[in-house]
Amino acid sequence: MQFGFGAGSLIAVRTDVTPSSPLEFAGFQDLSIDFSATNKEAYGSLQFPIAVARGKGKISCKAKQVTIKGSIYRDLFFGSGATSSVGQLKQAYKEGPTAIPVTPFTLQVSNHATFVDDLGVINVATGLPLTKVAFGQTPAAGQYTVDLTVGATLGTYLFASADNVSGISVYISYTYTYAASGTKLVIANPQLGLNPVFQAVFNLPYTSPTGVQNFLCKLNACVAEKTSIASKLDDFSIPEFDFGAFSDASGNIATLSFAE
């Protein structure tokens, strides 16, 4: 008899490009591999079929891991549609609180040198958002502008003199680039039919009284179908990666290896 216990491991390797580094699903949670087929029934005059033949088959897989890895999105899902570069796009969420200063009534955010997008200004006292108006316009009470000019004034917020007189403090949210670490993917819109192809190897061990048993499933050619990230209050995000398998150039689909 053979048993399997735990999540096992899953490693994928691109097969449509060379060289290709193996990618392990770190923090691996679970995997389902469903082999399914449609049946075609032949009926006579009775209720139940007198012959059954197998029709089309399908292999569907669903993997989950507790870590978020950019290399999986780049190499296994988007492929040539993703351009990778070192660095990150980060969000400063509710930076502050900062009081609106005296003339010229401007605030420059902490990461102004690499400022990208404004994500809003909140009145600390009321929790209500201020209204953004076009740059170059003089803001009225409850309004602001943002300088997007590359240079010394980038990421500078201009407020109304009335809001300084009122003693208003604000939270500012925005995005900015961070070049020191991480990976950034820019996703293009590629032609239909272009997709990464990879090999997937799933191993499920179990330590029995007679030694370590391993069930191994190698899927020769796979294509991603869906990837998703869902957040949940008071819990870790567990990204999901769905893919299907098909035959390789040799006409083989999979290898199943048993200790039994």
Protein backbone atom coordinates (compact mmCIF):
# COMPACT_ATOMS: atom_id res chain seq x y z
CA MET A 1 0.00 0.00 0.00
CA GLN A 2 1.08 3.55 -0.66
CA PHE A 3 0.10 6.72 1.16
CA GLY A 4 0.62 10.44 0.65
CA PHE A 5 0.65 13.11 3.34
CA GLY A 6 0.92 16.90 3.34
CA ALA A 7 1.08 19.28 0.42
CA GLY A 8 4.11 17.85 -1.34
CA SER A 9 6.11 20.00 -3.74
CA LEU A 10 5.55 21.50 -7.17
CA ILE A 11 8.30 22.62 -9.55
CA ALA A 12 7.73 24.04 -13.03
CA VAL A 13 10.20 24.48 -15.90
CA ARG A 14 9.56 26.45 -19.11
CA THR A 15 9.99 24.19 -22.14
CA ASP A 16 9.38 26.69 -24.93
CA VAL A 17 12.52 28.75 -24.18
CA THR A 18 16.11 27.80 -23.33
CA PRO A 19 17.80 28.06 -20.97
CA SER A 20 15.01 28.06 -18.40
CA SER A 21 15.44 28.08 -14.63
CA PRO A 22 13.18 25.74 -12.62
CA LEU A 23 10.59 27.57 -10.51
CA GLU A 24 9.46 26.04 -7.24
CA PHE A 25 6.10 27.02 -5.78
CA ALA A 26 7.40 28.22 -2.40
CA GLY A 27 5.10 28.07 0.61
CA PHE A 28 3.19 25.42 -1.30
CA GLN A 29 -0.27 24.78 0.14
CA ASP A 30 -2.08 22.29 -2.07
CA LEU A 31 -2.53 20.96 -5.59
CA SER A 32 -5.36 19.15 -7.32
CA ILE A 33 -4.77 17.27 -10.58
CA ASP A 34 -8.00 16.18 -12.25
CA PHE A 35 -7.91 13.66 -15.07
CA SER A 36 -11.32 13.66 -16.75
CA ALA A 37 -12.90 12.40 -19.93
CA THR A 38 -16.28 12.49 -21.61
CA ASN A 39 -18.09 9.25 -22.32
CA LYS A 40 -20.21 8.56 -25.38
CA GLU A 41 -23.05 6.14 -24.87
CA ALA A 42 -24.82 4.04 -27.49
CA TYR A 43 -28.43 3.18 -26.73
CA GLY A 44 -30.87 0.65 -28.05
CA SER A 45 -34.51 0.43 -27.02
CA LEU A 46 -33.66 -0.03 -23.33
CA GLN A 47 -32.95 2.54 -20.63
CA PHE A 48 -29.23 1.98 -20.21
CA PRO A 49 -26.46 2.08 -22.81
CA ILE A 50 -25.34 -1.07 -24.57
CA ALA A 51 -21.88 0.36 -25.34
CA VAL A 52 -19.71 3.12 -23.91
CA ALA A 53 -16.64 4.70 -25.55
CA ARG A 54 -14.35 7.35 -24.21
CA GLY A 55 -14.40 10.70 -25.98
CA LYS A 56 -12.28 13.79 -25.27
CA GLY A 57 -9.99 13.88 -22.25
CA LYS A 58 -8.75 16.77 -20.13
CA ILE A 59 -6.21 17.40 -17.36
CA SER A 60 -6.98 20.33 -15.07
CA CYS A 61 -4.72 21.48 -12.24
CA LYS A 62 -5.17 23.98 -9.42
CA ALA A 63 -2.20 24.99 -7.25
CA LYS A 64 -2.02 27.27 -4.22
CA GLN A 65 0.97 28.79 -2.44
CA VAL A 66 1.22 31.23 0.43
CA THR A 67 4.00 33.31 -1.17
CA ILE A 68 3.65 35.81 -4.02
CA LYS A 69 6.37 35.23 -6.63
CA GLY A 70 6.79 37.56 -9.58
CA SER A 71 8.73 34.92 -11.53
CA ILE A 72 5.67 32.68 -11.69
CA TYR A 73 3.54 35.46 -13.18
CA ARG A 74 6.32 36.41 -15.61
CA ASP A 75 7.50 32.98 -16.75
CA LEU A 76 4.44 30.75 -16.40
CA PHE A 77 1.44 32.99 -17.08
CA PHE A 78 2.29 36.14 -19.09
CA GLY A 79 5.47 34.97 -20.84
CA SER A 80 6.49 37.25 -23.71
CA GLY A 81 3.73 39.66 -22.73
CA ALA A 82 5.63 40.66 -19.58
CA THR A 83 8.69 42.90 -19.48
CA SER A 84 10.65 42.52 -16.26
CA SER A 85 12.88 45.11 -14.59
CA VAL A 86 14.57 45.52 -11.22
CA GLY A 87 12.67 47.67 -8.74
CA GLN A 88 9.15 48.08 -7.44
CA LEU A 89 6.12 50.29 -7.76
CA LYS A 90 5.18 51.08 -4.16
CA GLN A 91 2.31 52.82 -2.43
CA ALA A 92 2.58 55.35 0.36
CA TYR A 93 -0.76 55.01 2.14
CA LYS A 94 -1.98 57.97 4.17
CA GLU A 95 1.41 59.59 4.64
CA GLY A 96 1.16 62.06 7.51
CA PRO A 97 -0.76 63.53 9.25
CA THR A 98 0.73 66.81 8.13
CA ALA A 99 -0.68 70.29 8.72
CA ILE A 100 -1.14 72.46 5.64
CA PRO A 101 1.67 75.00 5.97
CA VAL A 102 1.70 78.76 5.52
CA THR A 103 2.34 80.39 2.15
CA PRO A 104 2.99 79.03 -0.44
CA PHE A 105 0.66 76.36 1.08
CA THR A 106 2.58 73.44 -0.46
CA LEU A 107 3.61 70.00 0.78
CA GLN A 108 6.14 67.79 -1.00
CA VAL A 109 5.76 64.08 -0.22
CA SER A 110 8.62 62.02 1.19
CA ASN A 111 9.23 60.03 -2.00
CA HIS A 112 8.79 63.00 -4.33
CA ALA A 113 11.89 62.23 -6.43
CA THR A 114 10.28 59.08 -7.86
CA PHE A 115 6.63 60.13 -7.53
CA VAL A 116 4.27 58.41 -10.03
CA ASP A 117 0.54 58.75 -9.24
CA ASP A 118 -1.64 60.68 -6.81
CA LEU A 119 -4.01 58.42 -4.84
CA GLY A 120 -5.88 61.09 -2.92
CA VAL A 121 -5.79 63.46 0.04
CA ILE A 122 -7.86 62.98 3.22
CA ASN A 123 -8.86 65.58 5.80
CA VAL A 124 -7.61 64.06 9.07
CA ALA A 125 -10.33 65.63 11.23
CA THR A 126 -13.32 64.67 9.09
CA GLY A 127 -12.03 61.63 7.18
CA LEU A 128 -13.40 63.15 3.98
CA PRO A 129 -11.39 63.40 0.74
CA LEU A 130 -10.27 66.72 -0.70
CA THR A 131 -11.10 67.46 -4.36
CA LYS A 132 -8.31 67.40 -6.91
CA VAL A 133 -8.29 70.20 -9.51
CA ALA A 134 -6.11 70.72 -12.57
CA PHE A 135 -2.47 71.66 -12.04
CA GLY A 136 -1.99 75.40 -12.58
CA GLN A 137 -5.39 76.20 -11.10
CA THR A 138 -5.57 77.97 -7.73
CA PRO A 139 -7.35 75.59 -5.35
CA ALA A 140 -10.28 76.77 -3.27
CA ALA A 141 -11.09 75.51 0.21
CA GLY A 142 -11.20 71.70 0.21
CA GLN A 143 -9.23 71.42 -3.05
CA TYR A 144 -5.64 70.62 -4.06
CA THR A 145 -3.37 70.24 -7.09
CA VAL A 146 -0.35 67.98 -7.73
CA ASP A 147 2.80 68.90 -9.64
CA LEU A 148 3.78 66.05 -12.01
CA THR A 149 6.62 67.98 -13.66
CA VAL A 150 9.80 65.90 -13.63
CA GLY A 151 12.35 67.78 -11.56
CA ALA A 152 12.68 69.48 -8.19
CA THR A 153 8.94 70.20 -7.83
CA LEU A 154 7.70 66.68 -8.65
CA GLY A 155 5.27 65.34 -6.05
CA THR A 156 4.43 68.78 -4.65
CA TYR A 157 0.85 69.31 -3.43
CA LEU A 158 -0.68 72.80 -3.43
CA PHE A 159 -3.57 73.60 -1.06
CA ALA A 160 -5.89 76.54 -0.47
CA SER A 161 -4.86 79.36 1.84
CA ALA A 162 -8.27 78.96 3.51
CA ASP A 163 -7.38 75.40 4.58
CA ASN A 164 -4.21 76.69 6.23
CA VAL A 165 -6.25 79.30 8.09
CA SER A 166 -8.65 76.54 9.16
CA GLY A 167 -5.74 74.52 10.56
CA ILE A 168 -6.47 71.45 8.44
CA SER A 169 -4.12 68.46 8.55
CA VAL A 170 -4.07 65.89 5.76
CA TYR A 171 -3.12 62.32 4.88
CA ILE A 172 -1.64 61.88 1.39
CA SER A 173 -1.60 58.61 -0.57
CA TYR A 174 0.42 58.08 -3.74
CA THR A 175 2.59 55.63 -5.67
CA TYR A 176 6.31 55.89 -6.33
CA THR A 177 9.11 53.79 -7.78
CA TYR A 178 11.70 52.05 -5.61
CA ALA A 179 14.83 50.89 -7.43
CA ALA A 180 16.81 49.20 -4.64
CA SER A 181 15.12 45.77 -4.76
CA GLY A 182 12.23 43.74 -6.10
CA THR A 183 10.85 43.09 -9.56
CA LYS A 184 8.43 45.08 -11.65
CA LEU A 185 6.44 43.57 -14.53
CA VAL A 186 4.96 45.69 -17.26
CA ILE A 187 2.21 43.64 -18.93
CA ALA A 188 1.63 44.21 -22.65
CA ASN A 189 -1.26 42.99 -24.82
CA PRO A 190 0.27 40.21 -26.96
CA GLN A 191 -1.19 38.49 -29.99
CA LEU A 192 -3.68 35.67 -29.51
CA GLY A 193 -2.12 32.22 -29.36
CA LEU A 194 1.09 33.30 -27.61
CA ASN A 195 1.57 31.66 -24.24
CA PRO A 196 4.32 30.06 -22.12
CA VAL A 197 4.57 26.26 -22.14
CA PHE A 198 6.05 24.52 -19.12
CA GLN A 199 6.62 21.13 -17.55
CA ALA A 200 5.24 20.55 -14.04
CA VAL A 201 6.59 18.00 -11.55
CA PHE A 202 4.54 17.22 -8.44
CA ASN A 203 6.02 15.03 -5.70
CA LEU A 204 4.07 13.72 -2.70
CA PRO A 205 6.16 11.86 -0.09
CA TYR A 206 5.17 9.78 2.91
CA THR A 207 7.47 8.18 5.49
CA SER A 208 6.24 4.64 6.07
CA PRO A 209 7.64 1.99 8.45
CA THR A 210 9.59 0.57 5.49
CA GLY A 211 11.01 3.87 4.25
CA VAL A 212 10.02 6.94 2.26
CA GLN A 213 7.32 6.43 -0.34
CA ASN A 214 6.95 8.91 -3.19
CA PHE A 215 4.14 9.51 -5.61
CA LEU A 216 5.35 11.61 -8.51
CA CYS A 217 3.36 13.12 -11.35
CA LYS A 218 5.19 14.73 -14.25
CA LEU A 219 3.04 16.67 -16.70
CA ASN A 220 5.02 17.07 -19.90
CA ALA A 221 3.41 20.19 -21.39
CA CYS A 222 1.26 22.68 -19.50
CA VAL A 223 -0.37 26.03 -20.16
CA ALA A 224 -1.70 28.41 -17.49
CA GLU A 225 -5.43 29.11 -17.49
CA LYS A 226 -5.91 31.48 -14.55
CA THR A 227 -3.99 33.13 -11.76
CA SER A 228 -5.53 35.11 -8.92
CA ILE A 229 -4.67 36.86 -5.67
CA ALA A 230 -7.36 37.26 -3.05
CA SER A 231 -7.01 39.12 0.25
CA LYS A 232 -8.85 38.22 3.44
CA LEU A 233 -9.25 40.00 6.77
CA ASP A 234 -7.00 38.50 9.47
CA ASP A 235 -5.44 35.90 7.17
CA PHE A 236 -2.66 35.41 4.64
CA SER A 237 -3.24 35.91 0.95
CA ILE A 238 -2.98 32.59 -0.91
CA PRO A 239 -2.45 33.07 -4.66
CA GLU A 240 -4.08 30.48 -6.90
CA PHE A 241 -2.60 29.20 -10.16
CA ASP A 242 -4.70 27.10 -12.54
CA PHE A 243 -3.24 25.26 -15.51
CA GLY A 244 -4.01 22.48 -17.94
CA ALA A 245 -1.85 19.78 -19.51
CA PHE A 246 -1.63 18.49 -23.08
CA SER A 247 0.61 16.18 -25.11
CA ASP A 248 4.20 17.12 -25.88
CA ALA A 249 6.00 16.79 -29.23
CA SER A 250 6.44 13.06 -28.61
CA GLY A 251 2.73 12.54 -28.09
CA ASN A 252 3.09 11.87 -24.35
CA ILE A 253 1.02 13.59 -21.71
CA ALA A 254 2.32 12.56 -18.29
CA THR A 255 4.39 10.17 -16.24
CA LEU A 256 2.97 8.75 -13.00
CA SER A 257 5.43 7.09 -10.63
CA PHE A 258 4.36 4.96 -7.63
CA ALA A 259 6.18 3.30 -4.74
CA GLU A 260 3.57 0.55 -4.65
